[in-house]
C-alpha atoms as a PDB file:
ATOM      1  CA  MET A   1     -51.721  16.514  11.018  1.00  0.00           C
ATOM      2  CA  CYS A   2     -49.517  14.536   8.715  1.00  0.00           C
ATOM      3  CA  TRP A   3     -49.317  17.017   5.929  1.00  0.00           C
ATOM      4  CA  LEU A   4     -47.403  20.168   8.442  1.00  0.00           C
ATOM      5  CA  GLY A   5     -44.869  17.153   9.059  1.00  0.00           C
ATOM      6  CA  ILE A   6     -44.505  16.584   5.069  1.00  0.00           C
ATOM      7  CA  LEU A   7     -45.416  20.818   4.721  1.00  0.00           C
ATOM      8  CA  ALA A   8     -42.031  21.770   7.683  1.00  0.00           C
ATOM      9  CA  ALA A   9     -40.129  18.734   6.018  1.00  0.00           C
ATOM     10  CA  LEU A  10     -39.610  20.033   2.482  1.00  0.00           C
ATOM     11  CA  LEU A  11     -39.317  23.737   4.174  1.00  0.00           C
ATOM     12  CA  ALA A  12     -36.795  23.320   5.891  1.00  0.00           C
ATOM     13  CA  VAL A  13     -33.911  21.436   3.689  1.00  0.00           C
ATOM     14  CA  PRO A  14     -34.393  24.833   1.201  1.00  0.00           C
ATOM     15  CA  LEU A  15     -33.862  26.504   4.795  1.00  0.00           C
ATOM     16  CA  VAL A  16     -31.207  24.895   6.013  1.00  0.00           C
ATOM     17  CA  ALA A  17     -29.051  25.106   2.352  1.00  0.00           C
ATOM     18  CA  HIS A  18     -29.735  28.473   2.130  1.00  0.00           C
ATOM     19  CA  ASP A  19     -27.288  28.802   5.393  1.00  0.00           C
ATOM     20  CA  ARG A  20     -26.158  25.701   6.932  1.00  0.00           C
ATOM     21  CA  ARG A  21     -24.730  27.487  10.062  1.00  0.00           C
ATOM     22  CA  TRP A  22     -28.100  26.098  11.371  1.00  0.00           C
ATOM     23  CA  LEU A  23     -27.746  23.098  11.006  1.00  0.00           C
ATOM     24  CA  LEU A  24     -24.105  22.853  12.723  1.00  0.00           C
ATOM     25  CA  ASP A  25     -25.252  25.219  15.742  1.00  0.00           C
ATOM     26  CA  SER A  26     -27.223  22.326  16.157  1.00  0.00           C
ATOM     27  CA  VAL A  27     -24.281  19.894  16.676  1.00  0.00           C
ATOM     28  CA  HIS A  28     -23.561  19.718  20.463  1.00  0.00           C
ATOM     29  CA  ASP A  29     -19.923  18.025  19.141  1.00  0.00           C
ATOM     30  CA  ALA A  30     -17.417  20.615  18.054  1.00  0.00           C
ATOM     31  CA  GLU A  31     -15.346  17.851  16.791  1.00  0.00           C
ATOM     32  CA  ALA A  32     -17.967  16.077  14.814  1.00  0.00           C
ATOM     33  CA  ALA A  33     -19.451  19.439  13.756  1.00  0.00           C
ATOM     34  CA  ALA A  34     -15.741  19.669  12.039  1.00  0.00           C
ATOM     35  CA  ALA A  35     -14.886  16.384  11.082  1.00  0.00           C
ATOM     36  CA  HIS A  36     -18.478  15.881   9.433  1.00  0.00           C
ATOM     37  CA  GLY A  37     -19.323  19.181   8.472  1.00  0.00           C
ATOM     38  CA  ASN A  38     -20.043  18.616   3.661  1.00  0.00           C
ATOM     39  CA  ASP A  39     -21.684  15.160   5.388  1.00  0.00           C
ATOM     40  CA  LEU A  40     -23.999  16.972   8.258  1.00  0.00           C
ATOM     41  CA  PHE A  41     -26.204  18.695   4.544  1.00  0.00           C
ATOM     42  CA  LEU A  42     -26.555  14.956   3.097  1.00  0.00           C
ATOM     43  CA  HIS A  43     -27.618  13.234   6.190  1.00  0.00           C
ATOM     44  CA  PHE A  44     -30.126  15.844   7.390  1.00  0.00           C
ATOM     45  CA  CYS A  45     -31.740  15.679   3.435  1.00  0.00           C
ATOM     46  CA  LEU A  46     -31.658  11.954   4.164  1.00  0.00           C
ATOM     47  CA  GLY A  47     -32.793  12.160   7.269  1.00  0.00           C
ATOM     48  CA  LEU A  48     -36.076  14.346   6.143  1.00  0.00           C
ATOM     49  CA  GLY A  49     -36.924  12.345   2.855  1.00  0.00           C
ATOM     50  CA  ALA A  50     -37.041   9.631   4.588  1.00  0.00           C
ATOM     51  CA  ILE A  51     -39.839  10.599   7.384  1.00  0.00           C
ATOM     52  CA  ILE A  52     -41.394  12.443   4.693  1.00  0.00           C
ATOM     53  CA  ALA A  53     -41.150   9.021   3.103  1.00  0.00           C
ATOM     54  CA  LEU A  54     -42.949   7.646   6.726  1.00  0.00           C
ATOM     55  CA  LEU A  55     -45.590  10.572   6.789  1.00  0.00           C
ATOM     56  CA  VAL A  56     -46.374   9.522   2.628  1.00  0.00           C
ATOM     57  CA  LEU A  57     -47.201   6.090   4.061  1.00  0.00           C
ATOM     58  CA  CYS A  58     -49.009   6.715   7.181  1.00  0.00           C
ATOM     59  CA  LEU A  59     -51.711   9.275   5.232  1.00  0.00           C
ATOM     60  CA  LEU A  60     -51.824   6.497   3.101  1.00  0.00           C
ATOM     61  CA  PHE A  61     -52.878   3.850   5.339  1.00  0.00           C
ATOM     62  CA  LEU A  62     -54.428   6.280   7.210  1.00  0.00           C
ATOM     63  CA  ARG A  63     -57.022   7.492   3.543  1.00  0.00           C
ATOM     64  CA  HIS A  64     -58.022   4.055   3.658  1.00  0.00           C
ATOM     65  CA  LEU A  65     -58.896   3.135   6.998  1.00  0.00           C
ATOM     66  CA  LEU A  66     -61.300   6.249   6.774  1.00  0.00           C
ATOM     67  CA  ARG A  67     -62.459   4.479   3.407  1.00  0.00           C
ATOM     68  CA  LEU A  68     -62.605   1.413   4.772  1.00  0.00           C
ATOM     69  CA  LEU A  69     -65.273   2.835   8.169  1.00  0.00           C
ATOM     70  CA  LYS A  70     -67.028   4.761   6.143  1.00  0.00           C
ATOM     71  CA  SER A  71     -67.958   1.433   4.054  1.00  0.00           C
ATOM     72  CA  ALA A  72     -68.951  -0.422   7.054  1.00  0.00           C
ATOM     73  CA  ALA A  73     -71.173   2.196   8.246  1.00  0.00           C
ATOM     74  CA  ARG A  74     -72.762   2.928   5.254  1.00  0.00           C
ATOM     75  CA  GLU A  75     -73.222  -0.836   4.293  1.00  0.00           C
ATOM     76  CA  ARG A  76     -72.166  -4.457   4.921  1.00  0.00           C
ATOM     77  CA  PRO A  77     -68.734  -5.080   6.461  1.00  0.00           C
ATOM     78  CA  PHE A  78     -68.087  -7.401   4.188  1.00  0.00           C
ATOM     79  CA  THR A  79     -67.166  -6.503   0.470  1.00  0.00           C
ATOM     80  CA  HIS A  80     -64.361  -7.532  -1.300  1.00  0.00           C
ATOM     81  CA  ALA A  81     -63.164  -3.054  -1.764  1.00  0.00           C
ATOM     82  CA  ASN A  82     -63.164  -4.103   2.038  1.00  0.00           C
ATOM     83  CA  ALA A  83     -60.644  -7.147   1.626  1.00  0.00           C
ATOM     84  CA  ARG A  84     -59.058  -5.379  -0.691  1.00  0.00           C
ATOM     85  CA  ARG A  85     -58.816  -1.960   1.542  1.00  0.00           C
ATOM     86  CA  LEU A  86     -57.244  -4.353   4.245  1.00  0.00           C
ATOM     87  CA  GLN A  87     -54.794  -5.846   2.256  1.00  0.00           C
ATOM     88  CA  ARG A  88     -53.862  -2.330   1.197  1.00  0.00           C
ATOM     89  CA  MET A  89     -53.297  -1.436   4.718  1.00  0.00           C
ATOM     90  CA  ALA A  90     -51.179  -4.509   5.413  1.00  0.00           C
ATOM     91  CA  TRP A  91     -48.730  -3.692   2.587  1.00  0.00           C
ATOM     92  CA  LEU A  92     -48.741   0.057   3.660  1.00  0.00           C
ATOM     93  CA  MET A  93     -47.506  -1.015   7.090  1.00  0.00           C
ATOM     94  CA  LEU A  94     -45.358  -3.826   6.410  1.00  0.00           C
ATOM     95  CA  ALA A  95     -43.357  -0.566   4.136  1.00  0.00           C
ATOM     96  CA  MET A  96     -44.255   1.272   7.334  1.00  0.00           C
ATOM     97  CA  GLU A  97     -41.793  -1.487   8.922  1.00  0.00           C
ATOM     98  CA  LEU A  98     -39.173  -1.711   6.548  1.00  0.00           C
ATOM     99  CA  LEU A  99     -38.292   1.877   6.299  1.00  0.00           C
ATOM    100  CA  SER A 100     -37.963   1.535  10.081  1.00  0.00           C
ATOM    101  CA  ILE A 101     -35.824  -0.657   9.600  1.00  0.00           C
ATOM    102  CA  LEU A 102     -33.392   1.225   6.968  1.00  0.00           C
ATOM    103  CA  ILE A 103     -33.630   4.049   9.597  1.00  0.00           C
ATOM    104  CA  GLY A 104     -31.943   2.588  12.416  1.00  0.00           C
ATOM    105  CA  ALA A 105     -29.447   0.556  10.343  1.00  0.00           C
ATOM    106  CA  TYR A 106     -28.193   3.870   8.655  1.00  0.00           C
ATOM    107  CA  ALA A 107     -28.629   5.437  11.850  1.00  0.00           C
ATOM    108  CA  ALA A 108     -26.357   2.728  13.452  1.00  0.00           C
ATOM    109  CA  TRP A 109     -23.948   3.273  10.326  1.00  0.00           C
ATOM    110  CA  MET A 110     -23.444   6.303  10.992  1.00  0.00           C
ATOM    111  CA  GLY A 111     -21.366   5.985  14.357  1.00  0.00           C
ATOM    112  CA  PRO A 112     -21.194   7.285  17.624  1.00  0.00           C
ATOM    113  CA  ASP A 113     -20.633  10.881  16.117  1.00  0.00           C
ATOM    114  CA  PHE A 114     -23.634  11.683  14.771  1.00  0.00           C
ATOM    115  CA  THR A 115     -25.816  10.553  18.471  1.00  0.00           C
ATOM    116  CA  TRP A 116     -26.830  13.809  18.991  1.00  0.00           C
ATOM    117  CA  MET A 117     -29.479  13.377  15.895  1.00  0.00           C
ATOM    118  CA  GLU A 118     -31.205  10.912  18.456  1.00  0.00           C
ATOM    119  CA  VAL A 119     -32.308   8.958  15.369  1.00  0.00           C
ATOM    120  CA  GLY A 120     -35.227   5.769  16.016  1.00  0.00           C
ATOM    121  CA  GLY A 121     -35.709   3.339  14.561  1.00  0.00           C
ATOM    122  CA  GLY A 122     -35.209  -0.373  13.847  1.00  0.00           C
ATOM    123  CA  MET A 123     -37.711  -3.809  14.169  1.00  0.00           C
ATOM    124  CA  SER A 124     -40.773  -3.676  16.131  1.00  0.00           C
ATOM    125  CA  ILE A 125     -42.398  -6.513  17.391  1.00  0.00           C
ATOM    126  CA  THR A 126     -45.659  -4.731  17.530  1.00  0.00           C
ATOM    127  CA  GLY A 127     -45.172  -3.956  14.050  1.00  0.00           C
ATOM    128  CA  LEU A 128     -44.902  -6.683  12.226  1.00  0.00           C
ATOM    129  CA  VAL A 129     -47.732  -8.481  14.591  1.00  0.00           C
ATOM    130  CA  ALA A 130     -49.821  -5.771  13.604  1.00  0.00           C
ATOM    131  CA  VAL A 131     -48.637  -6.503   9.561  1.00  0.00           C
ATOM    132  CA  LEU A 132     -50.092 -10.238   9.689  1.00  0.00           C
ATOM    133  CA  MET A 133     -53.215  -9.257  11.842  1.00  0.00           C
ATOM    134  CA  LEU A 134     -53.861  -7.228   8.779  1.00  0.00           C
ATOM    135  CA  PHE A 135     -53.392  -9.901   6.282  1.00  0.00           C
ATOM    136  CA  VAL A 136     -55.501 -12.207   8.390  1.00  0.00           C
ATOM    137  CA  LEU A 137     -58.048  -9.644   8.182  1.00  0.00           C
ATOM    138  CA  ALA A 138     -57.913  -8.917   4.756  1.00  0.00           C
ATOM    139  CA  ARG A 139     -58.539 -12.622   4.262  1.00  0.00           C
ATOM    140  CA  VAL A 140     -61.592 -12.851   6.757  1.00  0.00           C
ATOM    141  CA  PHE A 141     -63.504  -9.714   5.126  1.00  0.00           C
ATOM    142  CA  ALA A 142     -62.773 -11.347   1.243  1.00  0.00           C
ATOM    143  CA  VAL A 143     -63.824 -15.193   3.060  1.00  0.00           C
ATOM    144  CA  GLY A 144     -66.981 -13.433   4.359  1.00  0.00           C
ATOM    145  CA  ALA A 145     -67.263 -11.014   1.252  1.00  0.00           C
ATOM    146  CA  ALA A 146     -67.786 -14.789  -0.899  1.00  0.00           C
ATOM    147  CA  MET A 147     -69.797 -16.441   1.287  1.00  0.00           C
ATOM    148  CA  ARG A 148     -72.325 -12.528   1.206  1.00  0.00           C
ATOM    149  CA  ASP A 149     -71.940 -13.460  -2.453  1.00  0.00           C
ATOM    150  CA  ASP A 150     -73.187 -16.395  -2.001  1.00  0.00           C
ATOM    151  CA  LEU A 151     -75.905 -16.139  -0.036  1.00  0.00           C
ATOM    152  CA  ASP A 152     -76.738 -13.652  -2.292  1.00  0.00           C
ATOM    153  CA  GLY A 153     -77.159 -15.719  -4.768  1.00  0.00           C
ATOM    154  CA  VAL A 154     -79.463 -18.208  -2.871  1.00  0.00           C
ATOM    155  CA  ILE A 155     -81.692 -15.997  -1.887  1.00  0.00           C
END
């Protein structure tokens, strides 16, 4: 599904660049469209770029999650590879949260003329807690993998 979102966002830019009236027609406030007509395409492209970046980060996160689940089902879950996967997932989630904060700040900076875009973003306590949990879980898996290595060395 994320691939479809990336493809749709990439296809939207040339379509709107070809005929910018599509973008201007989506603005419900005629005064805002007249005042910011040239800037609308820039804001549109920046918004789609942020969406594409979030979707790519999400795809990478899901790829690591899938590999983690396959590895846990196939062999022992407490491996150094799984600990590294969890740590990468934590960094990816942190990057998604920071990008969301930047999107929210950009939306606030654009001002009330662009409220029709309904741009969301900002800091999410739930996301930050998930990042912390992933870092802690990665550390637990690393310690578990080290304990497993010690146990295998004893036997």
